[in-house]
Amino acid sequence: AGLVDRRDLPSMQTVVTTAVTELIDGPL
């Protein structure tokens, strides 16, 4: 709906993928 800028609210798939990547091989 564009209620929030998509750059500030990425898709849930992107968030989960980023979390997994950062936990496996990243500073997280």
mmCIF file of all heavy atoms, coordinates in Angstrom:
data_MODEL
# 
_entry.id   MODEL 
# 
loop_
_atom_site.group_PDB 
_atom_site.id 
_atom_site.type_symbol 
_atom_site.label_atom_id 
_atom_site.label_alt_id 
_atom_site.label_comp_id 
_atom_site.label_asym_id 
_atom_site.label_entity_id 
_atom_site.label_seq_id 
_atom_site.pdbx_PDB_ins_code 
_atom_site.Cartn_x 
_atom_site.Cartn_y 
_atom_site.Cartn_z 
_atom_site.occupancy 
_atom_site.B_iso_or_equiv 
_atom_site.pdbx_formal_charge 
_atom_site.auth_seq_id 
_atom_site.auth_comp_id 
_atom_site.auth_asym_id 
_atom_site.auth_atom_id 
_atom_site.pdbx_PDB_model_num 
ATOM 1   N N   . ALA A 1 1  ? 0.815  -1.218  0.000  1.00 0.00 ? 1  ALA A N   1 
ATOM 2   C CA  . ALA A 1 1  ? 0.000  0.000   0.000  1.00 0.00 ? 1  ALA A CA  1 
ATOM 3   C C   . ALA A 1 1  ? 0.850  1.270   0.000  1.00 0.00 ? 1  ALA A C   1 
ATOM 4   O O   . ALA A 1 1  ? 0.316  2.364   -0.173 1.00 0.00 ? 1  ALA A O   1 
ATOM 5   C CB  . ALA A 1 1  ? -0.925 -0.005  1.219  1.00 0.00 ? 1  ALA A CB  1 
ATOM 6   N N   . GLY A 1 2  ? 2.136  1.127   0.218  1.00 0.00 ? 2  GLY A N   1 
ATOM 7   C CA  . GLY A 1 2  ? 3.014  2.293   0.218  1.00 0.00 ? 2  GLY A CA  1 
ATOM 8   C C   . GLY A 1 2  ? 2.876  3.163   1.447  1.00 0.00 ? 2  GLY A C   1 
ATOM 9   O O   . GLY A 1 2  ? 3.231  4.346   1.418  1.00 0.00 ? 2  GLY A O   1 
ATOM 10  N N   . LEU A 1 3  ? 2.357  2.590   2.537  1.00 0.00 ? 3  LEU A N   1 
ATOM 11  C CA  . LEU A 1 3  ? 2.212  3.366   3.763  1.00 0.00 ? 3  LEU A CA  1 
ATOM 12  C C   . LEU A 1 3  ? 3.570  3.703   4.380  1.00 0.00 ? 3  LEU A C   1 
ATOM 13  O O   . LEU A 1 3  ? 3.694  4.676   5.123  1.00 0.00 ? 3  LEU A O   1 
ATOM 14  C CB  . LEU A 1 3  ? 1.359  2.592   4.770  1.00 0.00 ? 3  LEU A CB  1 
ATOM 15  C CG  . LEU A 1 3  ? -0.078 2.274   4.328  1.00 0.00 ? 3  LEU A CG  1 
ATOM 16  C CD1 . LEU A 1 3  ? -0.797 1.458   5.388  1.00 0.00 ? 3  LEU A CD1 1 
ATOM 17  C CD2 . LEU A 1 3  ? -0.838 3.561   4.022  1.00 0.00 ? 3  LEU A CD2 1 
ATOM 18  N N   . VAL A 1 4  ? 4.561  2.862   4.099  1.00 0.00 ? 4  VAL A N   1 
ATOM 19  C CA  . VAL A 1 4  ? 5.923  3.089   4.561  1.00 0.00 ? 4  VAL A CA  1 
ATOM 20  C C   . VAL A 1 4  ? 6.855  2.916   3.366  1.00 0.00 ? 4  VAL A C   1 
ATOM 21  O O   . VAL A 1 4  ? 6.624  2.055   2.507  1.00 0.00 ? 4  VAL A O   1 
ATOM 22  C CB  . VAL A 1 4  ? 6.312  2.085   5.677  1.00 0.00 ? 4  VAL A CB  1 
ATOM 23  C CG1 . VAL A 1 4  ? 7.755  2.304   6.123  1.00 0.00 ? 4  VAL A CG1 1 
ATOM 24  C CG2 . VAL A 1 4  ? 5.371  2.229   6.863  1.00 0.00 ? 4  VAL A CG2 1 
ATOM 25  N N   . ASP A 1 5  ? 7.874  3.755   3.311  1.00 0.00 ? 5  ASP A N   1 
ATOM 26  C CA  . ASP A 1 5  ? 8.856  3.650   2.230  1.00 0.00 ? 5  ASP A CA  1 
ATOM 27  C C   . ASP A 1 5  ? 9.432  2.232   2.190  1.00 0.00 ? 5  ASP A C   1 
ATOM 28  O O   . ASP A 1 5  ? 9.906  1.722   3.198  1.00 0.00 ? 5  ASP A O   1 
ATOM 29  C CB  . ASP A 1 5  ? 9.986  4.664   2.454  1.00 0.00 ? 5  ASP A CB  1 
ATOM 30  C CG  . ASP A 1 5  ? 10.860 4.821   1.215  1.00 0.00 ? 5  ASP A CG  1 
ATOM 31  O OD1 . ASP A 1 5  ? 11.041 3.827   0.475  1.00 0.00 ? 5  ASP A OD1 1 
ATOM 32  O OD2 . ASP A 1 5  ? 11.360 5.941   0.982  1.00 0.00 ? 5  ASP A OD2 1 
ATOM 33  N N   . ARG A 1 6  ? 9.388  1.613   1.018  1.00 0.00 ? 6  ARG A N   1 
ATOM 34  C CA  . ARG A 1 6  ? 9.861  0.233   0.899  1.00 0.00 ? 6  ARG A CA  1 
ATOM 35  C C   . ARG A 1 6  ? 11.344 0.106   1.213  1.00 0.00 ? 6  ARG A C   1 
ATOM 36  O O   . ARG A 1 6  ? 11.815 -0.978  1.563  1.00 0.00 ? 6  ARG A O   1 
ATOM 37  C CB  . ARG A 1 6  ? 9.580  -0.287  -0.507 1.00 0.00 ? 6  ARG A CB  1 
ATOM 38  C CG  . ARG A 1 6  ? 8.088  -0.431  -0.815 1.00 0.00 ? 6  ARG A CG  1 
ATOM 39  C CD  . ARG A 1 6  ? 7.870  -1.166  -2.116 1.00 0.00 ? 6  ARG A CD  1 
ATOM 40  N NE  . ARG A 1 6  ? 6.447  -1.343  -2.385 1.00 0.00 ? 6  ARG A NE  1 
ATOM 41  C CZ  . ARG A 1 6  ? 5.968  -2.043  -3.408 1.00 0.00 ? 6  ARG A CZ  1 
ATOM 42  N NH1 . ARG A 1 6  ? 6.816  -2.634  -4.248 1.00 0.00 ? 6  ARG A NH1 1 
ATOM 43  N NH2 . ARG A 1 6  ? 4.675  -2.153  -3.601 1.00 0.00 ? 6  ARG A NH2 1 
ATOM 44  N N   . ARG A 1 7  ? 12.087 1.189   1.064  1.00 0.00 ? 7  ARG A N   1 
ATOM 45  C CA  . ARG A 1 7  ? 13.503 1.138   1.419  1.00 0.00 ? 7  ARG A CA  1 
ATOM 46  C C   . ARG A 1 7  ? 13.684 0.994   2.926  1.00 0.00 ? 7  ARG A C   1 
ATOM 47  O O   . ARG A 1 7  ? 14.707 0.466   3.390  1.00 0.00 ? 7  ARG A O   1 
ATOM 48  C CB  . ARG A 1 7  ? 14.218 2.390   0.918  1.00 0.00 ? 7  ARG A CB  1 
ATOM 49  C CG  . ARG A 1 7  ? 14.293 2.501   -0.604 1.00 0.00 ? 7  ARG A CG  1 
ATOM 50  C CD  . ARG A 1 7  ? 14.841 3.837   -1.021 1.00 0.00 ? 7  ARG A CD  1 
ATOM 51  N NE  . ARG A 1 7  ? 13.953 4.923   -0.616 1.00 0.00 ? 7  ARG A NE  1 
ATOM 52  C CZ  . ARG A 1 7  ? 14.163 6.220   -0.877 1.00 0.00 ? 7  ARG A CZ  1 
ATOM 53  N NH1 . ARG A 1 7  ? 15.274 6.576   -1.534 1.00 0.00 ? 7  ARG A NH1 1 
ATOM 54  N NH2 . ARG A 1 7  ? 13.306 7.132   -0.488 1.00 0.00 ? 7  ARG A NH2 1 
ATOM 55  N N   . ASP A 1 8  ? 12.713 1.484   3.680  1.00 0.00 ? 8  ASP A N   1 
ATOM 56  C CA  . ASP A 1 8  ? 12.776 1.372   5.141  1.00 0.00 ? 8  ASP A CA  1 
ATOM 57  C C   . ASP A 1 8  ? 12.076 0.117   5.658  1.00 0.00 ? 8  ASP A C   1 
ATOM 58  O O   . ASP A 1 8  ? 12.262 -0.254  6.816  1.00 0.00 ? 8  ASP A O   1 
ATOM 59  C CB  . ASP A 1 8  ? 12.137 2.599   5.793  1.00 0.00 ? 8  ASP A CB  1 
ATOM 60  C CG  . ASP A 1 8  ? 12.855 3.883   5.428  1.00 0.00 ? 8  ASP A CG  1 
ATOM 61  O OD1 . ASP A 1 8  ? 14.084 3.833   5.253  1.00 0.00 ? 8  ASP A OD1 1 
ATOM 62  O OD2 . ASP A 1 8  ? 12.183 4.933   5.328  1.00 0.00 ? 8  ASP A OD2 1 
ATOM 63  N N   . LEU A 1 9  ? 11.280 -0.507  4.812  1.00 0.00 ? 9  LEU A N   1 
ATOM 64  C CA  . LEU A 1 9  ? 10.528 -1.696  5.221  1.00 0.00 ? 9  LEU A CA  1 
ATOM 65  C C   . LEU A 1 9  ? 10.693 -2.769  4.149  1.00 0.00 ? 9  LEU A C   1 
ATOM 66  O O   . LEU A 1 9  ? 9.808  -2.975  3.314  1.00 0.00 ? 9  LEU A O   1 
ATOM 67  C CB  . LEU A 1 9  ? 9.046  -1.357  5.419  1.00 0.00 ? 9  LEU A CB  1 
ATOM 68  C CG  . LEU A 1 9  ? 8.205  -2.419  6.140  1.00 0.00 ? 9  LEU A CG  1 
ATOM 69  C CD1 . LEU A 1 9  ? 8.624  -2.523  7.596  1.00 0.00 ? 9  LEU A CD1 1 
ATOM 70  C CD2 . LEU A 1 9  ? 6.716  -2.070  6.051  1.00 0.00 ? 9  LEU A CD2 1 
ATOM 71  N N   . PRO A 1 10 ? 11.826 -3.453  4.154  1.00 0.00 ? 10 PRO A N   1 
ATOM 72  C CA  . PRO A 1 10 ? 12.050 -4.496  3.150  1.00 0.00 ? 10 PRO A CA  1 
ATOM 73  C C   . PRO A 1 10 ? 11.085 -5.663  3.334  1.00 0.00 ? 10 PRO A C   1 
ATOM 74  O O   . PRO A 1 10 ? 10.439 -5.795  4.377  1.00 0.00 ? 10 PRO A O   1 
ATOM 75  C CB  . PRO A 1 10 ? 13.495 -4.928  3.404  1.00 0.00 ? 10 PRO A CB  1 
ATOM 76  C CG  . PRO A 1 10 ? 13.791 -4.504  4.788  1.00 0.00 ? 10 PRO A CG  1 
ATOM 77  C CD  . PRO A 1 10 ? 12.947 -3.319  5.087  1.00 0.00 ? 10 PRO A CD  1 
ATOM 78  N N   . SER A 1 11 ? 10.993 -6.497  2.315  1.00 0.00 ? 11 SER A N   1 
ATOM 79  C CA  . SER A 1 11 ? 10.105 -7.653  2.406  1.00 0.00 ? 11 SER A CA  1 
ATOM 80  C C   . SER A 1 11 ? 10.570 -8.593  3.516  1.00 0.00 ? 11 SER A C   1 
ATOM 81  O O   . SER A 1 11 ? 11.750 -8.633  3.868  1.00 0.00 ? 11 SER A O   1 
ATOM 82  C CB  . SER A 1 11 ? 10.077 -8.397  1.070  1.00 0.00 ? 11 SER A CB  1 
ATOM 83  O OG  . SER A 1 11 ? 11.329 -8.994  0.807  1.00 0.00 ? 11 SER A OG  1 
ATOM 84  N N   . MET A 1 12 ? 9.621  -9.365  4.024  1.00 0.00 ? 12 MET A N   1 
ATOM 85  C CA  . MET A 1 12 ? 9.965  -10.300 5.090  1.00 0.00 ? 12 MET A CA  1 
ATOM 86  C C   . MET A 1 12 ? 10.969 -11.339 4.610  1.00 0.00 ? 12 MET A C   1 
ATOM 87  O O   . MET A 1 12 ? 11.843 -11.778 5.358  1.00 0.00 ? 12 MET A O   1 
ATOM 88  C CB  . MET A 1 12 ? 8.693  -10.977 5.612  1.00 0.00 ? 12 MET A CB  1 
ATOM 89  C CG  . MET A 1 12 ? 8.932  -11.909 6.781  1.00 0.00 ? 12 MET A CG  1 
ATOM 90  S SD  . MET A 1 12 ? 9.779  -11.125 8.189  1.00 0.00 ? 12 MET A SD  1 
ATOM 91  C CE  . MET A 1 12 ? 8.567  -9.882  8.650  1.00 0.00 ? 12 MET A CE  1 
ATOM 92  N N   . GLN A 1 13 ? 10.860 -11.728 3.339  1.00 0.00 ? 13 GLN A N   1 
ATOM 93  C CA  . GLN A 1 13 ? 11.821 -12.675 2.788  1.00 0.00 ? 13 GLN A CA  1 
ATOM 94  C C   . GLN A 1 13 ? 13.237 -12.110 2.821  1.00 0.00 ? 13 GLN A C   1 
ATOM 95  O O   . GLN A 1 13 ? 14.190 -12.805 3.174  1.00 0.00 ? 13 GLN A O   1 
ATOM 96  C CB  . GLN A 1 13 ? 11.436 -13.038 1.351  1.00 0.00 ? 13 GLN A CB  1 
ATOM 97  C CG  . GLN A 1 13 ? 12.388 -14.044 0.701  1.00 0.00 ? 13 GLN A CG  1 
ATOM 98  C CD  . GLN A 1 13 ? 11.983 -14.383 -0.718 1.00 0.00 ? 13 GLN A CD  1 
ATOM 99  O OE1 . GLN A 1 13 ? 10.975 -13.894 -1.224 1.00 0.00 ? 13 GLN A OE1 1 
ATOM 100 N NE2 . GLN A 1 13 ? 12.776 -15.221 -1.375 1.00 0.00 ? 13 GLN A NE2 1 
ATOM 101 N N   . THR A 1 14 ? 13.355 -10.826 2.484  1.00 0.00 ? 14 THR A N   1 
ATOM 102 C CA  . THR A 1 14 ? 14.664 -10.171 2.516  1.00 0.00 ? 14 THR A CA  1 
ATOM 103 C C   . THR A 1 14 ? 15.210 -10.111 3.936  1.00 0.00 ? 14 THR A C   1 
ATOM 104 O O   . THR A 1 14 ? 16.401 -10.351 4.174  1.00 0.00 ? 14 THR A O   1 
ATOM 105 C CB  . THR A 1 14 ? 14.570 -8.751  1.934  1.00 0.00 ? 14 THR A CB  1 
ATOM 106 O OG1 . THR A 1 14 ? 14.096 -8.821  0.584  1.00 0.00 ? 14 THR A OG1 1 
ATOM 107 C CG2 . THR A 1 14 ? 15.918 -8.053  1.968  1.00 0.00 ? 14 THR A CG2 1 
ATOM 108 N N   . VAL A 1 15 ? 14.349 -9.794  4.882  1.00 0.00 ? 15 VAL A N   1 
ATOM 109 C CA  . VAL A 1 15 ? 14.769 -9.698  6.282  1.00 0.00 ? 15 VAL A CA  1 
ATOM 110 C C   . VAL A 1 15 ? 15.261 -11.065 6.785  1.00 0.00 ? 15 VAL A C   1 
ATOM 111 O O   . VAL A 1 15 ? 16.322 -11.165 7.419  1.00 0.00 ? 15 VAL A O   1 
ATOM 112 C CB  . VAL A 1 15 ? 13.615 -9.184  7.162  1.00 0.00 ? 15 VAL A CB  1 
ATOM 113 C CG1 . VAL A 1 15 ? 13.992 -9.253  8.635  1.00 0.00 ? 15 VAL A CG1 1 
ATOM 114 C CG2 . VAL A 1 15 ? 13.245 -7.762  6.780  1.00 0.00 ? 15 VAL A CG2 1 
ATOM 115 N N   . VAL A 1 16 ? 14.480 -12.101 6.516  1.00 0.00 ? 16 VAL A N   1 
ATOM 116 C CA  . VAL A 1 16 ? 14.856 -13.445 6.979  1.00 0.00 ? 16 VAL A CA  1 
ATOM 117 C C   . VAL A 1 16 ? 16.145 -13.902 6.312  1.00 0.00 ? 16 VAL A C   1 
ATOM 118 O O   . VAL A 1 16 ? 17.054 -14.448 6.972  1.00 0.00 ? 16 VAL A O   1 
ATOM 119 C CB  . VAL A 1 16 ? 13.719 -14.445 6.698  1.00 0.00 ? 16 VAL A CB  1 
ATOM 120 C CG1 . VAL A 1 16 ? 14.167 -15.868 7.015  1.00 0.00 ? 16 VAL A CG1 1 
ATOM 121 C CG2 . VAL A 1 16 ? 12.479 -14.089 7.510  1.00 0.00 ? 16 VAL A CG2 1 
ATOM 122 N N   . THR A 1 17 ? 16.257 -13.670 5.007  1.00 0.00 ? 17 THR A N   1 
ATOM 123 C CA  . THR A 1 17 ? 17.473 -14.065 4.287  1.00 0.00 ? 17 THR A CA  1 
ATOM 124 C C   . THR A 1 17 ? 18.691 -13.335 4.828  1.00 0.00 ? 17 THR A C   1 
ATOM 125 O O   . THR A 1 17 ? 19.760 -13.926 5.020  1.00 0.00 ? 17 THR A O   1 
ATOM 126 C CB  . THR A 1 17 ? 17.320 -13.772 2.784  1.00 0.00 ? 17 THR A CB  1 
ATOM 127 O OG1 . THR A 1 17 ? 16.183 -14.473 2.273  1.00 0.00 ? 17 THR A OG1 1 
ATOM 128 C CG2 . THR A 1 17 ? 18.564 -14.196 2.030  1.00 0.00 ? 17 THR A CG2 1 
ATOM 129 N N   . THR A 1 18 ? 18.532 -12.042 5.092  1.00 0.00 ? 18 THR A N   1 
ATOM 130 C CA  . THR A 1 18 ? 19.640 -11.255 5.638  1.00 0.00 ? 18 THR A CA  1 
ATOM 131 C C   . THR A 1 18 ? 20.037 -11.759 7.017  1.00 0.00 ? 18 THR A C   1 
ATOM 132 O O   . THR A 1 18 ? 21.229 -11.881 7.332  1.00 0.00 ? 18 THR A O   1 
ATOM 133 C CB  . THR A 1 18 ? 19.248 -9.768  5.718  1.00 0.00 ? 18 THR A CB  1 
ATOM 134 O OG1 . THR A 1 18 ? 18.904 -9.292  4.409  1.00 0.00 ? 18 THR A OG1 1 
ATOM 135 C CG2 . THR A 1 18 ? 20.400 -8.934  6.269  1.00 0.00 ? 18 THR A CG2 1 
ATOM 136 N N   . ALA A 1 19 ? 19.044 -12.057 7.842  1.00 0.00 ? 19 ALA A N   1 
ATOM 137 C CA  . ALA A 1 19 ? 19.338 -12.550 9.191  1.00 0.00 ? 19 ALA A CA  1 
ATOM 138 C C   . ALA A 1 19 ? 20.099 -13.867 9.135  1.00 0.00 ? 19 ALA A C   1 
ATOM 139 O O   . ALA A 1 19 ? 21.098 -14.052 9.854  1.00 0.00 ? 19 ALA A O   1 
ATOM 140 C CB  . ALA A 1 19 ? 18.037 -12.722 9.976  1.00 0.00 ? 19 ALA A CB  1 
ATOM 141 N N   . VAL A 1 20 ? 19.655 -14.782 8.283  1.00 0.00 ? 20 VAL A N   1 
ATOM 142 C CA  . VAL A 1 20 ? 20.335 -16.078 8.168  1.00 0.00 ? 20 VAL A CA  1 
ATOM 143 C C   . VAL A 1 20 ? 21.762 -15.898 7.666  1.00 0.00 ? 20 VAL A C   1 
ATOM 144 O O   . VAL A 1 20 ? 22.714 -16.488 8.191  1.00 0.00 ? 20 VAL A O   1 
ATOM 145 C CB  . VAL A 1 20 ? 19.539 -17.016 7.234  1.00 0.00 ? 20 VAL A CB  1 
ATOM 146 C CG1 . VAL A 1 20 ? 20.326 -18.289 6.963  1.00 0.00 ? 20 VAL A CG1 1 
ATOM 147 C CG2 . VAL A 1 20 ? 18.181 -17.345 7.830  1.00 0.00 ? 20 VAL A CG2 1 
ATOM 148 N N   . THR A 1 21 ? 21.920 -15.052 6.648  1.00 0.00 ? 21 THR A N   1 
ATOM 149 C CA  . THR A 1 21 ? 23.253 -14.822 6.078  1.00 0.00 ? 21 THR A CA  1 
ATOM 150 C C   . THR A 1 21 ? 24.188 -14.195 7.101  1.00 0.00 ? 21 THR A C   1 
ATOM 151 O O   . THR A 1 21 ? 25.344 -14.613 7.254  1.00 0.00 ? 21 THR A O   1 
ATOM 152 C CB  . THR A 1 21 ? 23.148 -13.907 4.845  1.00 0.00 ? 21 THR A CB  1 
ATOM 153 O OG1 . THR A 1 21 ? 22.282 -14.505 3.876  1.00 0.00 ? 21 THR A OG1 1 
ATOM 154 C CG2 . THR A 1 21 ? 24.519 -13.680 4.227  1.00 0.00 ? 21 THR A CG2 1 
ATOM 155 N N   . GLU A 1 22 ? 23.693 -13.192 7.822  1.00 0.00 ? 22 GLU A N   1 
ATOM 156 C CA  . GLU A 1 22 ? 24.526 -12.500 8.801  1.00 0.00 ? 22 GLU A CA  1 
ATOM 157 C C   . GLU A 1 22 ? 24.854 -13.385 10.006 1.00 0.00 ? 22 GLU A C   1 
ATOM 158 O O   . GLU A 1 22 ? 25.884 -13.205 10.652 1.00 0.00 ? 22 GLU A O   1 
ATOM 159 C CB  . GLU A 1 22 ? 23.809 -11.234 9.278  1.00 0.00 ? 22 GLU A CB  1 
ATOM 160 C CG  . GLU A 1 22 ? 23.682 -10.150 8.222  1.00 0.00 ? 22 GLU A CG  1 
ATOM 161 C CD  . GLU A 1 22 ? 25.014 -9.458  7.966  1.00 0.00 ? 22 GLU A CD  1 
ATOM 162 O OE1 . GLU A 1 22 ? 25.510 -8.777  8.867  1.00 0.00 ? 22 GLU A OE1 1 
ATOM 163 O OE2 . GLU A 1 22 ? 25.544 -9.633  6.855  1.00 0.00 ? 22 GLU A OE2 1 
ATOM 164 N N   . LEU A 1 23 ? 23.966 -14.319 10.305 1.00 0.00 ? 23 LEU A N   1 
ATOM 165 C CA  . LEU A 1 23 ? 24.223 -15.228 11.423 1.00 0.00 ? 23 LEU A CA  1 
ATOM 166 C C   . LEU A 1 23 ? 25.197 -16.338 11.036 1.00 0.00 ? 23 LEU A C   1 
ATOM 167 O O   . LEU A 1 23 ? 25.972 -16.808 11.866 1.00 0.00 ? 23 LEU A O   1 
ATOM 168 C CB  . LEU A 1 23 ? 22.915 -15.838 11.918 1.00 0.00 ? 23 LEU A CB  1 
ATOM 169 C CG  . LEU A 1 23 ? 22.017 -14.928 12.765 1.00 0.00 ? 23 LEU A CG  1 
ATOM 170 C CD1 . LEU A 1 23 ? 20.669 -15.586 12.993 1.00 0.00 ? 23 LEU A CD1 1 
ATOM 171 C CD2 . LEU A 1 23 ? 22.678 -14.601 14.093 1.00 0.00 ? 23 LEU A CD2 1 
ATOM 172 N N   . ILE A 1 24 ? 25.142 -16.759 9.787  1.00 0.00 ? 24 ILE A N   1 
ATOM 173 C CA  . ILE A 1 24 ? 26.036 -17.827 9.333  1.00 0.00 ? 24 ILE A CA  1 
ATOM 174 C C   . ILE A 1 24 ? 27.438 -17.295 9.065  1.00 0.00 ? 24 ILE A C   1 
ATOM 175 O O   . ILE A 1 24 ? 28.438 -17.887 9.498  1.00 0.00 ? 24 ILE A O   1 
ATOM 176 C CB  . ILE A 1 24 ? 25.466 -18.502 8.074  1.00 0.00 ? 24 ILE A CB  1 
ATOM 177 C CG1 . ILE A 1 24 ? 24.172 -19.247 8.408  1.00 0.00 ? 24 ILE A CG1 1 
ATOM 178 C CG2 . ILE A 1 24 ? 26.493 -19.474 7.473  1.00 0.00 ? 24 ILE A CG2 1 
ATOM 179 C CD1 . ILE A 1 24 ? 23.496 -19.869 7.215  1.00 0.00 ? 24 ILE A CD1 1 
ATOM 180 N N   . ASP A 1 25 ? 27.525 -16.205 8.339  1.00 0.00 ? 25 ASP A N   1 
ATOM 181 C CA  . ASP A 1 25 ? 28.831 -15.679 7.956  1.00 0.00 ? 25 ASP A CA  1 
ATOM 182 C C   . ASP A 1 25 ? 28.784 -14.158 7.949  1.00 0.00 ? 25 ASP A C   1 
ATOM 183 O O   . ASP A 1 25 ? 28.834 -13.515 6.893  1.00 0.00 ? 25 ASP A O   1 
ATOM 184 C CB  . ASP A 1 25 ? 29.234 -16.211 6.574  1.00 0.00 ? 25 ASP A CB  1 
ATOM 185 C CG  . ASP A 1 25 ? 30.653 -15.823 6.195  1.00 0.00 ? 25 ASP A CG  1 
ATOM 186 O OD1 . ASP A 1 25 ? 31.440 -15.530 7.107  1.00 0.00 ? 25 ASP A OD1 1 
ATOM 187 O OD2 . ASP A 1 25 ? 30.969 -15.803 4.979  1.00 0.00 ? 25 ASP A OD2 1 
ATOM 188 N N   . GLY A 1 26 ? 28.645 -13.573 9.121  1.00 0.00 ? 26 GLY A N   1 
ATOM 189 C CA  . GLY A 1 26 ? 28.552 -12.127 9.219  1.00 0.00 ? 26 GLY A CA  1 
ATOM 190 C C   . GLY A 1 26 ? 28.737 -11.646 10.639 1.00 0.00 ? 26 GLY A C   1 
ATOM 191 O O   . GLY A 1 26 ? 28.838 -12.450 11.576 1.00 0.00 ? 26 GLY A O   1 
ATOM 192 N N   . PRO A 1 27 ? 28.747 -10.338 10.843 1.00 0.00 ? 27 PRO A N   1 
ATOM 193 C CA  . PRO A 1 27 ? 28.990 -9.783  12.179 1.00 0.00 ? 27 PRO A CA  1 
ATOM 194 C C   . PRO A 1 27 ? 27.860 -10.008 13.171 1.00 0.00 ? 27 PRO A C   1 
ATOM 195 O O   . PRO A 1 27 ? 28.061 -9.864  14.373 1.00 0.00 ? 27 PRO A O   1 
ATOM 196 C CB  . PRO A 1 27 ? 29.179 -8.288  11.897 1.00 0.00 ? 27 PRO A CB  1 
ATOM 197 C CG  . PRO A 1 27 ? 28.461 -8.041  10.610 1.00 0.00 ? 27 PRO A CG  1 
ATOM 198 C CD  . PRO A 1 27 ? 28.621 -9.291  9.806  1.00 0.00 ? 27 PRO A CD  1 
ATOM 199 N N   . LEU A 1 28 ? 26.676 -10.376 12.675 1.00 0.00 ? 28 LEU A N   1 
ATOM 200 C CA  . LEU A 1 28 ? 25.557 -10.575 13.603 1.00 0.00 ? 28 LEU A CA  1 
ATOM 201 C C   . LEU A 1 28 ? 25.815 -11.770 14.521 1.00 0.00 ? 28 LEU A C   1 
ATOM 202 O O   . LEU A 1 28 ? 25.382 -11.775 15.674 1.00 0.00 ? 28 LEU A O   1 
ATOM 203 C CB  . LEU A 1 28 ? 24.258 -10.768 12.818 1.00 0.00 ? 28 LEU A CB  1 
ATOM 204 C CG  . LEU A 1 28 ? 22.965 -10.846 13.646 1.00 0.00 ? 28 LEU A CG  1 
ATOM 205 C CD1 . LEU A 1 28 ? 22.826 -9.652  14.568 1.00 0.00 ? 28 LEU A CD1 1 
ATOM 206 C CD2 . LEU A 1 28 ? 21.750 -10.971 12.723 1.00 0.00 ? 28 LEU A CD2 1 
# 
